[in-house]
Protein backbone atom coordinates (compact mmCIF):
# COMPACT_ATOMS: atom_id res chain seq x y z
CA MET A 1 0.04 0.14 0.31
CA LYS A 2 0.72 4.03 -0.67
CA LYS A 3 0.60 6.70 1.13
CA LEU A 4 -2.47 9.57 -0.34
CA PHE A 5 -1.37 12.96 0.03
CA VAL A 6 -4.45 14.29 1.70
CA PRO A 7 -3.81 16.92 3.55
CA PHE A 8 -5.36 16.26 7.37
CA VAL A 9 -7.09 19.80 7.26
CA LEU A 10 -9.27 18.11 4.97
CA PHE A 11 -10.51 15.83 7.35
CA ALA A 12 -11.69 18.93 9.97
CA LEU A 13 -12.98 20.94 7.16
CA PHE A 14 -15.92 18.21 5.85
CA ALA A 15 -15.90 15.66 8.81
CA ASN A 16 -16.07 16.92 11.87
CA SER A 17 -20.08 18.86 11.66
CA GLN A 18 -22.23 17.45 14.14
CA THR A 19 -25.46 19.29 14.11
CA PHE A 20 -28.27 18.31 16.08
CA CYS A 21 -32.13 17.81 14.20
CA LYS A 22 -34.44 20.41 15.91
CA ASN A 23 -37.53 21.97 14.49
CA GLY A 24 -36.82 20.14 11.10
CA PHE A 25 -33.59 20.85 10.20
CA ALA A 26 -29.82 19.49 10.74
CA GLY A 27 -28.07 22.46 9.16
CA ASP A 28 -29.67 22.60 5.80
CA TYR A 29 -31.16 19.08 5.62
CA PRO A 30 -34.88 18.62 6.66
CA CYS A 31 -35.06 15.73 9.53
CA ASP A 32 -37.22 14.05 12.06
CA GLY A 33 -35.14 12.32 15.10
CA ILE A 34 -31.99 11.41 13.16
CA ASP A 35 -29.09 13.92 14.05
CA LEU A 36 -26.20 14.56 11.98
CA LEU A 37 -23.15 13.52 13.22
CA SER A 38 -20.33 14.54 10.65
CA TYR A 39 -20.49 14.29 6.51
CA MET A 40 -17.59 13.27 4.10
CA PRO A 41 -18.10 14.64 0.43
CA ASN A 42 -17.00 12.25 -3.17
CA ASP A 43 -14.24 14.84 -3.97
CA LEU A 44 -12.75 13.87 -0.47
CA PHE A 45 -12.34 10.02 -2.00
CA LYS A 46 -11.64 11.68 -5.63
CA ALA A 47 -14.95 10.47 -6.67
CA SER A 48 -17.67 12.26 -8.84
CA ARG A 49 -20.64 10.06 -7.24
CA GLY A 50 -21.72 7.77 -4.15
CA ASN A 51 -23.47 4.32 -4.80
CA ASP A 52 -23.77 1.59 -2.14
CA CYS A 53 -22.61 0.95 1.01
CA TRP A 54 -21.71 -1.66 4.12
CA GLY A 55 -19.77 -1.76 7.19
CA TRP A 56 -17.67 -4.03 9.00
CA THR A 57 -16.95 -4.24 12.94
CA ASP A 58 -13.15 -5.29 13.74
CA SER A 59 -13.94 -8.37 16.36
CA LEU A 60 -10.66 -7.91 17.66
CA THR A 61 -10.83 -4.02 18.47
CA GLY A 62 -14.15 -3.33 18.48
CA LYS A 63 -13.74 -0.35 15.89
CA GLU A 64 -16.25 0.31 13.35
CA TYR A 65 -16.17 0.70 9.75
CA ALA A 66 -18.14 2.42 7.11
CA LEU A 67 -17.37 0.77 3.57
CA TYR A 68 -17.94 3.27 0.63
CA GLY A 69 -18.59 2.65 -2.29
CA ASN A 70 -18.44 5.37 -5.47
CA SER A 71 -17.40 5.71 -9.01
CA ALA A 72 -13.88 4.92 -8.50
CA ASN A 73 -12.98 3.03 -5.60
CA THR A 74 -14.00 1.61 -2.22
CA ALA A 75 -13.58 3.54 0.56
CA PHE A 76 -12.44 2.59 4.19
CA VAL A 77 -13.66 4.83 7.01
CA ASP A 78 -13.22 4.60 10.49
CA VAL A 79 -16.30 5.59 11.89
CA THR A 80 -15.60 4.30 15.80
CA ASP A 81 -15.74 7.96 16.46
CA PRO A 82 -18.63 8.88 13.86
CA ILE A 83 -18.30 12.77 15.09
CA HIS A 84 -14.48 12.63 13.73
CA PRO A 85 -14.80 10.20 11.66
CA ARG A 86 -10.88 9.16 9.58
CA TYR A 87 -10.95 8.54 6.34
CA VAL A 88 -8.38 5.02 6.71
CA GLY A 89 -7.64 4.15 2.87
CA LYS A 90 -9.18 3.11 -0.93
CA LEU A 91 -9.11 0.53 -3.11
CA ASN A 92 -9.19 1.72 -6.20
CA SER A 93 -11.48 -0.30 -8.95
CA HIS A 94 -10.27 -3.25 -10.70
CA THR A 95 -10.70 -1.75 -13.92
CA GLY A 96 -12.70 1.29 -14.68
CA ASN A 97 -15.06 3.46 -12.96
CA SER A 98 -18.42 2.69 -12.51
CA ILE A 99 -21.77 4.37 -11.14
CA TRP A 100 -22.67 0.86 -9.97
CA ARG A 101 -20.21 -0.98 -7.03
CA ASP A 102 -21.04 -3.34 -4.50
CA ILE A 103 -19.29 -4.28 -1.12
CA LYS A 104 -20.35 -7.62 0.94
CA VAL A 105 -18.66 -8.72 4.32
CA TYR A 106 -17.50 -12.25 5.14
CA LYS A 107 -14.61 -13.21 7.53
CA ASN A 108 -12.64 -9.98 8.09
CA TYR A 109 -12.73 -9.38 4.20
CA ALA A 110 -14.61 -7.38 1.88
CA PHE A 111 -15.49 -8.53 -1.25
CA ILE A 112 -16.25 -6.19 -3.70
CA VAL A 113 -17.81 -6.07 -7.14
CA SER A 114 -18.95 -3.08 -9.80
CA GLU A 115 -20.33 -3.41 -13.44
CA ALA A 116 -17.04 -2.01 -15.05
CA LEU A 117 -15.86 -4.16 -17.64
CA ASN A 118 -13.71 -7.38 -16.51
CA HIS A 119 -14.32 -6.19 -13.02
CA GLY A 120 -14.42 -9.13 -11.57
CA MET A 121 -14.52 -9.48 -7.19
CA GLN A 122 -12.07 -8.00 -5.42
CA VAL A 123 -11.35 -9.69 -1.79
CA PHE A 124 -9.56 -7.17 -0.15
CA ASP A 125 -8.13 -8.14 3.89
CA LEU A 126 -9.81 -5.66 6.25
CA THR A 127 -7.64 -6.33 9.11
CA LYS A 128 -5.33 -3.83 7.46
CA LEU A 129 -7.17 -1.11 8.35
CA ARG A 130 -5.96 -1.97 11.87
CA ASN A 131 -2.14 -1.11 11.09
CA VAL A 132 -2.63 2.41 9.52
CA GLU A 133 -1.03 4.98 11.30
CA LEU A 134 -2.94 8.45 12.02
CA GLU A 135 -0.37 10.32 9.73
CA ASN A 136 -0.27 8.68 6.91
CA MET A 137 -4.01 7.86 6.17
CA PRO A 138 -5.44 8.10 4.14
CA VAL A 139 -3.45 4.73 2.14
CA GLU A 140 -3.86 3.11 -1.28
CA PHE A 141 -4.50 -0.43 -0.80
CA ILE A 142 -3.67 -3.10 -3.19
CA GLU A 143 -6.50 -6.07 -3.88
CA ASP A 144 -5.82 -9.37 -1.98
CA ALA A 145 -7.08 -11.78 -4.42
CA HIS A 146 -9.50 -11.49 -7.50
CA GLU A 147 -12.05 -13.60 -9.25
CA ASN A 148 -12.89 -13.85 -12.91
CA SER A 149 -15.09 -15.85 -13.89
CA PHE A 150 -17.24 -13.34 -14.14
CA GLY A 151 -16.99 -9.66 -15.56
CA GLY A 152 -19.40 -7.01 -14.71
CA ALA A 153 -22.15 -7.37 -12.10
CA HIS A 154 -24.91 -5.23 -10.57
CA ASN A 155 -24.62 -7.04 -7.02
CA ILE A 156 -23.20 -9.37 -4.54
CA VAL A 157 -24.96 -11.34 -1.62
CA ILE A 158 -22.77 -13.43 1.04
CA ASN A 159 -24.43 -16.14 2.86
CA GLU A 160 -22.22 -15.85 5.43
CA GLU A 161 -23.40 -19.03 7.11
CA THR A 162 -22.35 -21.12 4.70
CA GLY A 163 -19.40 -19.25 2.90
CA TYR A 164 -20.84 -18.90 -0.28
CA ALA A 165 -21.08 -15.72 -2.13
CA TYR A 166 -23.89 -15.00 -5.14
CA ILE A 167 -23.43 -12.89 -8.13
CA VAL A 168 -26.34 -11.60 -9.67
CA GLY A 169 -26.97 -8.74 -12.60
CA ALA A 170 -23.59 -10.52 -14.00
CA ASN A 171 -22.88 -11.52 -17.93
CA VAL A 172 -23.10 -14.86 -16.87
CA TYR A 173 -26.00 -17.68 -16.46
CA GLY A 174 -28.31 -14.99 -17.84
CA GLY A 175 -28.13 -12.51 -14.90
CA GLY A 176 -28.86 -14.96 -13.02
CA MET A 177 -27.19 -16.08 -10.19
CA GLU A 178 -23.27 -17.71 -10.05
CA PHE A 179 -22.18 -19.50 -7.01
CA ILE A 180 -18.81 -18.67 -5.73
CA ASN A 181 -17.22 -20.66 -2.69
CA VAL A 182 -15.22 -18.09 -0.57
CA LYS A 183 -14.78 -20.14 2.72
CA ASP A 184 -11.30 -19.50 2.03
CA PRO A 185 -11.49 -16.15 1.10
CA LEU A 186 -8.29 -15.54 -0.53
CA ASN A 187 -8.95 -18.18 -2.79
CA PRO A 188 -12.73 -18.01 -3.87
CA ILE A 189 -13.47 -21.04 -6.43
CA ALA A 190 -16.55 -20.51 -8.90
CA GLU A 191 -19.02 -23.51 -9.25
CA GLY A 192 -21.48 -23.04 -11.38
CA GLY A 193 -24.94 -21.17 -11.52
CA PHE A 194 -28.56 -20.83 -12.25
CA SER A 195 -30.24 -19.26 -15.07
CA ASP A 196 -33.94 -20.78 -15.07
CA ALA A 197 -34.99 -17.87 -13.03
CA GLY A 198 -34.08 -15.22 -15.42
CA TYR A 199 -32.03 -12.24 -14.18
CA THR A 200 -31.61 -11.00 -10.65
CA HIS A 201 -30.74 -7.21 -9.68
CA ASP A 202 -30.06 -7.75 -6.08
CA ALA A 203 -31.50 -11.01 -3.45
CA GLN A 204 -30.97 -12.22 0.42
CA VAL A 205 -29.55 -15.47 0.98
CA VAL A 206 -30.31 -16.88 4.24
CA ILE A 207 -30.58 -20.51 5.94
CA TYR A 208 -33.98 -20.38 6.82
CA LYS A 209 -35.18 -20.95 9.98
CA GLY A 210 -38.70 -18.91 9.70
CA PRO A 211 -42.09 -20.79 9.86
CA ASP A 212 -42.65 -22.70 6.87
CA LYS A 213 -41.34 -26.13 8.48
CA ASP A 214 -40.94 -27.80 4.85
CA TYR A 215 -37.64 -25.76 4.24
CA GLN A 216 -36.26 -25.00 8.23
CA GLY A 217 -32.05 -25.76 7.88
CA ARG A 218 -32.17 -25.25 4.03
CA GLU A 219 -30.11 -22.47 1.97
CA ILE A 220 -32.83 -20.20 0.51
CA PHE A 221 -32.10 -17.25 -2.25
CA PHE A 222 -34.83 -14.92 -2.26
CA GLY A 223 -34.35 -12.96 -5.37
CA ALA A 224 -35.34 -9.39 -6.92
CA ASN A 225 -36.29 -10.00 -10.72
CA ALA A 226 -37.16 -6.62 -12.05
CA SER A 227 -40.57 -8.27 -12.64
CA TYR A 228 -41.46 -10.75 -10.08
CA ILE A 229 -39.40 -11.92 -6.67
CA VAL A 230 -38.40 -16.03 -7.29
CA VAL A 231 -37.79 -18.17 -4.19
CA ILE A 232 -35.14 -20.54 -4.91
CA ASP A 233 -33.90 -23.49 -2.95
CA VAL A 234 -29.72 -23.36 -3.56
CA THR A 235 -29.03 -26.11 -0.69
CA ASP A 236 -27.41 -27.94 -3.22
CA LYS A 237 -25.53 -25.79 -5.70
CA ASP A 238 -25.57 -29.19 -8.47
CA SER A 239 -29.19 -28.71 -8.49
CA PRO A 240 -31.20 -25.62 -7.52
CA ARG A 241 -34.79 -25.91 -7.17
CA ILE A 242 -37.45 -22.66 -8.05
CA ILE A 243 -39.75 -22.83 -4.97
CA SER A 244 -42.39 -20.04 -6.10
CA GLN A 245 -42.35 -17.25 -8.36
CA PHE A 246 -45.07 -14.16 -8.05
CA SER A 247 -45.71 -10.53 -8.44
CA TYR A 248 -47.62 -8.02 -7.00
CA PRO A 249 -49.92 -5.13 -8.38
CA LEU A 250 -48.64 -2.40 -10.51
CA VAL A 251 -45.42 -4.45 -10.55
CA ARG A 252 -42.76 -1.76 -12.81
CA TYR A 253 -39.30 -3.14 -11.53
CA THR A 254 -38.67 -5.47 -8.30
CA HIS A 255 -35.35 -3.95 -7.54
CA GLN A 256 -34.17 -5.14 -3.53
CA LEU A 257 -36.05 -7.03 -0.67
CA TRP A 258 -35.26 -8.14 2.88
CA MET A 259 -36.59 -10.13 5.44
CA ASN A 260 -37.88 -9.32 8.84
CA ASP A 261 -36.53 -11.07 11.89
CA THR A 262 -38.63 -14.21 12.51
CA GLN A 263 -38.35 -14.96 8.49
CA GLN A 264 -42.43 -14.20 8.11
CA PHE A 265 -42.49 -11.19 6.06
CA LEU A 266 -40.66 -9.99 3.03
CA PHE A 267 -40.33 -6.15 2.29
CA VAL A 268 -39.67 -5.41 -1.35
CA ASN A 269 -39.04 -2.29 -3.03
CA ASP A 270 -39.83 -0.99 -6.87
CA GLU A 271 -37.36 1.57 -8.34
CA LEU A 272 -39.78 2.61 -11.27
CA ASP A 273 -43.45 2.73 -10.04
CA GLU A 274 -43.35 5.93 -8.36
CA GLN A 275 -42.37 7.36 -12.03
CA LYS A 276 -44.51 5.09 -13.64
CA TYR A 277 -47.74 5.23 -11.83
CA GLY A 278 -47.34 8.29 -10.00
CA ASN A 279 -48.10 6.73 -6.56
CA ASN A 280 -46.23 7.60 -3.13
CA THR A 281 -42.53 6.19 -2.06
CA ARG A 282 -44.22 2.88 -1.91
CA ASN A 283 -43.01 -0.17 0.20
CA ILE A 284 -44.77 -3.70 -0.72
CA VAL A 285 -44.86 -6.78 1.85
CA PHE A 286 -45.46 -10.51 1.72
CA ASP A 287 -46.09 -13.06 3.92
CA ILE A 288 -43.88 -15.43 3.30
CA SER A 289 -45.09 -18.12 5.90
CA ASP A 290 -45.96 -20.82 2.87
CA LEU A 291 -42.65 -20.22 0.81
CA ASP A 292 -45.04 -22.59 -1.53
CA ASN A 293 -47.59 -20.03 -1.58
CA PRO A 294 -46.69 -16.31 -0.25
CA ILE A 295 -49.28 -13.75 -0.15
CA PHE A 296 -49.65 -10.10 -0.54
CA LYS A 297 -49.97 -8.66 2.68
CA THR A 298 -49.96 -4.50 2.61
CA GLU A 299 -48.14 -1.99 1.04
CA TYR A 300 -47.03 1.50 3.07
CA LEU A 301 -47.19 4.83 1.07
CA GLY A 302 -44.78 7.42 2.22
CA LYS A 303 -45.15 11.20 2.87
CA THR A 304 -43.43 11.64 -0.77
CA THR A 305 -43.20 10.57 -4.33
CA ALA A 306 -39.28 10.07 -4.05
CA ILE A 307 -38.25 6.41 -5.05
CA ASP A 308 -37.12 4.01 -2.76
CA HIS A 309 -33.87 2.25 -3.79
CA ASN A 310 -32.13 -0.39 -0.74
CA ASN A 311 -34.29 -1.04 2.45
CA TYR A 312 -33.20 -3.36 5.54
CA VAL A 313 -34.61 -4.53 8.71
CA VAL A 314 -33.06 -4.26 11.69
CA GLY A 315 -35.81 -5.15 14.72
CA ASP A 316 -38.96 -3.35 14.38
CA GLU A 317 -37.95 -0.79 11.97
CA LEU A 318 -37.27 -0.90 8.24
CA TYR A 319 -34.88 1.28 7.24
CA VAL A 320 -35.66 2.56 3.73
CA ALA A 321 -33.17 4.55 1.30
CA ASN A 322 -35.37 7.02 -0.45
CA TYR A 323 -32.92 8.99 -3.49
CA ARG A 324 -34.63 12.16 -3.09
CA ALA A 325 -36.28 11.73 0.61
CA GLY A 326 -33.18 10.41 1.83
CA ILE A 327 -33.61 7.90 4.75
CA ARG A 328 -36.90 6.89 6.02
CA ILE A 329 -37.26 4.68 9.44
CA ILE A 330 -40.53 2.90 9.49
CA ASP A 331 -41.89 1.23 12.11
CA ILE A 332 -43.22 -2.23 11.58
CA LYS A 333 -43.83 -3.79 14.51
CA GLN A 334 -47.48 -3.94 14.25
CA ILE A 335 -46.57 -5.80 10.55
CA SER A 336 -49.22 -8.60 11.41
CA GLU A 337 -52.24 -6.39 12.05
CA SER A 338 -52.19 -4.90 8.56
CA ASP A 339 -54.16 -6.05 5.47
CA SER A 340 -54.40 -4.94 2.05
CA ILE A 341 -56.39 -2.09 3.23
CA ASN A 342 -54.73 -1.12 6.36
CA SER A 343 -51.06 -0.98 6.55
CA MET A 344 -50.05 -0.36 10.48
CA MET A 345 -47.05 0.30 9.01
CA LYS A 346 -46.25 4.25 9.86
CA GLU A 347 -42.89 6.84 9.57
CA LEU A 348 -40.86 7.15 12.88
CA ALA A 349 -37.96 9.37 11.55
CA PHE A 350 -36.24 10.38 8.44
CA PHE A 351 -33.23 12.65 7.67
CA ASP A 352 -32.88 13.92 4.15
CA THR A 353 -29.66 14.22 2.14
CA TYR A 354 -31.11 15.91 -0.96
CA PRO A 355 -33.03 19.08 0.12
CA LYS A 356 -33.83 20.62 -2.84
CA ASP A 357 -37.03 18.11 -3.58
CA ASP A 358 -38.56 15.05 -2.83
CA LEU A 359 -38.90 14.19 -6.81
CA PRO A 360 -39.13 11.01 -8.49
CA ARG A 361 -35.73 10.76 -9.68
CA PHE A 362 -32.13 9.13 -9.77
CA ASP A 363 -30.16 11.47 -7.13
CA GLY A 364 -29.54 11.88 -3.11
CA ALA A 365 -29.91 8.40 -0.84
CA TRP A 366 -28.47 4.89 -2.52
CA SER A 367 -28.16 3.07 0.50
CA VAL A 368 -28.24 3.19 4.29
CA TYR A 369 -26.51 0.28 6.40
CA PRO A 370 -28.03 0.77 10.07
CA PHE A 371 -26.52 -2.43 10.92
CA PHE A 372 -23.63 -1.25 13.76
CA GLU A 373 -24.19 -2.00 17.57
CA SER A 374 -23.41 1.28 18.27
CA GLY A 375 -26.40 2.76 16.49
CA THR A 376 -24.74 4.57 13.97
CA ILE A 377 -25.95 4.81 10.47
CA ILE A 378 -24.60 5.49 7.34
CA ILE A 379 -25.76 6.68 4.04
CA SER A 380 -24.30 6.61 1.10
CA ASP A 381 -25.17 9.96 -1.03
CA ILE A 382 -25.21 9.68 -4.69
CA ASN A 383 -24.80 13.74 -5.62
CA LYS A 384 -22.72 14.36 -1.58
CA GLY A 385 -20.49 11.84 -0.57
CA LEU A 386 -20.77 9.87 3.55
CA PHE A 387 -23.31 10.61 5.46
CA ILE A 388 -23.38 9.59 9.44
CA VAL A 389 -26.13 9.89 11.61
CA LYS A 390 -27.88 8.38 14.31
CA LYS A 391 -31.14 8.72 15.96
CA SER A 392 -32.03 11.50 18.33
CA ASN A 393 -31.92 10.17 22.09
CA GLU A 394 -31.55 11.70 25.35
CA SER A 395 -27.76 11.01 25.21
CA SER A 396 -27.56 13.92 22.34
CA SER A 397 -30.44 15.86 23.44
CA SER A 398 -28.15 15.96 26.94
CA LEU A 399 -25.24 17.94 25.13
CA ASN A 400 -27.87 20.93 25.75
CA LYS A 401 -27.12 20.83 28.71
CA LEU A 402 -23.64 20.80 28.81
CA SER A 403 -22.34 23.08 32.01
CA ASN A 404 -18.77 24.25 33.65
CA ASP A 405 -20.29 27.05 35.35
CA LEU A 406 -19.28 25.33 38.63
CA ASN A 407 -16.55 22.73 37.54
CA LYS A 408 -13.61 22.76 35.92
CA ILE A 409 -12.41 19.90 33.28
CA TYR A 410 -8.74 20.05 32.95
CA PRO A 411 -6.38 19.27 31.17
CA ASN A 412 -8.61 19.66 28.04
CA PRO A 413 -7.63 18.03 25.95
CA ALA A 414 -6.40 15.34 27.64
CA ASN A 415 -3.82 12.24 27.20
CA ASP A 416 -3.64 10.09 30.14
CA PHE A 417 -5.92 11.36 32.99
CA ILE A 418 -8.83 14.12 33.69
CA ASN A 419 -9.18 15.99 36.57
CA ILE A 420 -12.72 17.64 37.91
CA GLU A 421 -12.35 20.37 40.54
CA SER A 422 -16.05 20.89 41.67
CA PHE A 423 -16.96 23.78 44.02
CA ASN A 424 -20.01 22.34 45.44
CA GLY A 425 -18.40 18.18 45.62
CA VAL A 426 -19.46 15.48 43.65
CA SER A 427 -22.07 13.44 45.62
CA SER A 428 -22.63 10.94 42.86
CA LYS A 429 -21.31 8.28 40.83
CA VAL A 430 -19.10 9.50 37.56
CA GLU A 431 -20.35 8.32 34.48
CA ILE A 432 -18.61 8.85 30.77
CA PHE A 433 -20.07 8.30 27.38
CA ASP A 434 -19.28 9.06 24.03
CA ILE A 435 -20.38 11.45 22.08
CA VAL A 436 -23.27 9.48 20.61
CA GLY A 437 -24.37 8.45 24.30
CA LYS A 438 -22.61 4.71 24.80
CA LYS A 439 -21.54 4.20 27.97
CA MET A 440 -17.98 3.68 28.67
CA SER A 441 -16.46 1.02 30.97
CA ASN A 442 -13.64 0.56 33.29
CA ILE A 443 -13.20 3.50 34.39
CA MET A 444 -10.86 4.06 37.39
CA VAL A 445 -11.96 7.25 39.64
CA GLU A 446 -9.70 8.74 42.66
CA GLY A 447 -9.43 11.59 44.67
CA ASN A 448 -11.71 13.24 46.75
CA ASN A 449 -15.32 15.22 46.36
CA ASN A 450 -13.96 18.63 45.52
CA ASP A 451 -10.63 16.97 42.63
CA ILE A 452 -11.52 14.14 41.29
CA ARG A 453 -8.98 12.05 39.45
CA ILE A 454 -10.02 10.09 36.12
CA ASP A 455 -7.75 7.93 34.32
CA ILE A 456 -9.04 7.96 30.58
CA LYS A 457 -5.78 5.79 29.02
CA GLY A 458 -7.98 3.42 28.04
CA LEU A 459 -10.33 5.19 25.65
CA ASN A 460 -9.98 5.75 22.26
CA THR A 461 -8.91 9.36 20.73
CA GLY A 462 -12.34 11.38 20.51
CA THR A 463 -14.80 13.23 22.42
CA TYR A 464 -16.73 12.35 25.50
CA ILE A 465 -19.64 13.14 27.73
CA ILE A 466 -18.93 13.40 31.68
CA LYS A 467 -21.70 13.22 33.54
CA PHE A 468 -21.95 13.92 37.55
CA ASP A 469 -24.82 15.12 39.72
CA ASN A 470 -26.92 15.49 36.88
CA THR A 471 -24.19 17.92 35.17
CA PHE A 472 -22.93 17.13 31.82
CA ALA A 473 -19.05 18.40 30.69
CA LYS A 474 -17.71 17.50 27.09
CA PHE A 475 -13.61 16.84 26.95
CA VAL A 476 -11.17 15.59 24.08
CA LYS A 477 -9.09 12.90 24.45
CA GLN A 478 -5.69 13.12 22.59
CA ARG A 479 -3.58 10.06 21.61
């Protein structure tokens, strides 16, 4: 890998821009219930457009990383401190630039495809991100392996339980799925494919644990196939079997899908129905309790005419990247009570990365990754870049109560220790939180009520909130 010469001031200029959602706006961005933590523009990544995003959590260090796909490369951003993200480095496209790039993670490796000519599948060892010193960021990495049984591909899906990658929308098998064994990530093996169901645009593949007892324990492929949805048993790669194929009213382009945690309901988005039929953003839901006979359950119409692109489920919430309307978080906990006439789904929060309008056009939020344990959410925006946000909560509102009137925090910034000098004394326990509200553990407190010394050597570099006696104060931990 080699060092890229990007002035560090660029990080401070673009990345450190925390703005709380107040009165319907976070700075220039319309919002409700979601705060802007930071933002990094496409120019920083030497890219003209953004596309897909995914995430990786280092099991060794606990650090969280955004994997940001763009027209020129895949960028790796440390978002452990989401208010001060660090652009660690990038992996350039294997061939040329493309507006399509897709990334998934398995066993600490990133697997990347693109519709660029002859791109194939790049494999990158994400543990390399651990060893990059701050003064060397960002660096230009090289891929650790490459698989070229196909050229361009629209998407990649990985079943982490089986170690198989599924390439879809490629120039092989009629755009249907290709099976690649990635159990040994550095030695991927193409093991055939399946074309009988036609072109697949995106998919989800799982070891099925849902209510249909006939298929429990089987590896099941759920494909968004442009004009219909297909369910395929891919347990035996030599003999895949179509279980069912179905569609919905006013189908235009079945784009992407995701199941809820119980695997009873399938949430589908159509990329072109808003343009074709003039409806508001539409999320379509199927009851898939019987995989042989899925049933249309309900549909949810959003508040704007923007196009829905990618959606993912976390618990009882559906996170939808809605192009010009940004991301929308939809409550689905009462989905069982919905029917074809009455949808019990409702919008909980939103953050609009494209303030200009909410028209059904191809700008704004391409995708969202809502799976970080910290609650940090990343949004890949076509026009602007990488947004890092989080749902508003008590911890963030408490920042408005920061007060040092009766207390002195020193030194600040600090390296190993901070001291609290309180004229009134500290009568209750001291707690430290990161800037987005996660409580930090193993904090050593010494001293008396009026002068407390706190060991912060175990904290990562960043900004923290300290709480005592219902007083909140902010300090910065240096290296």
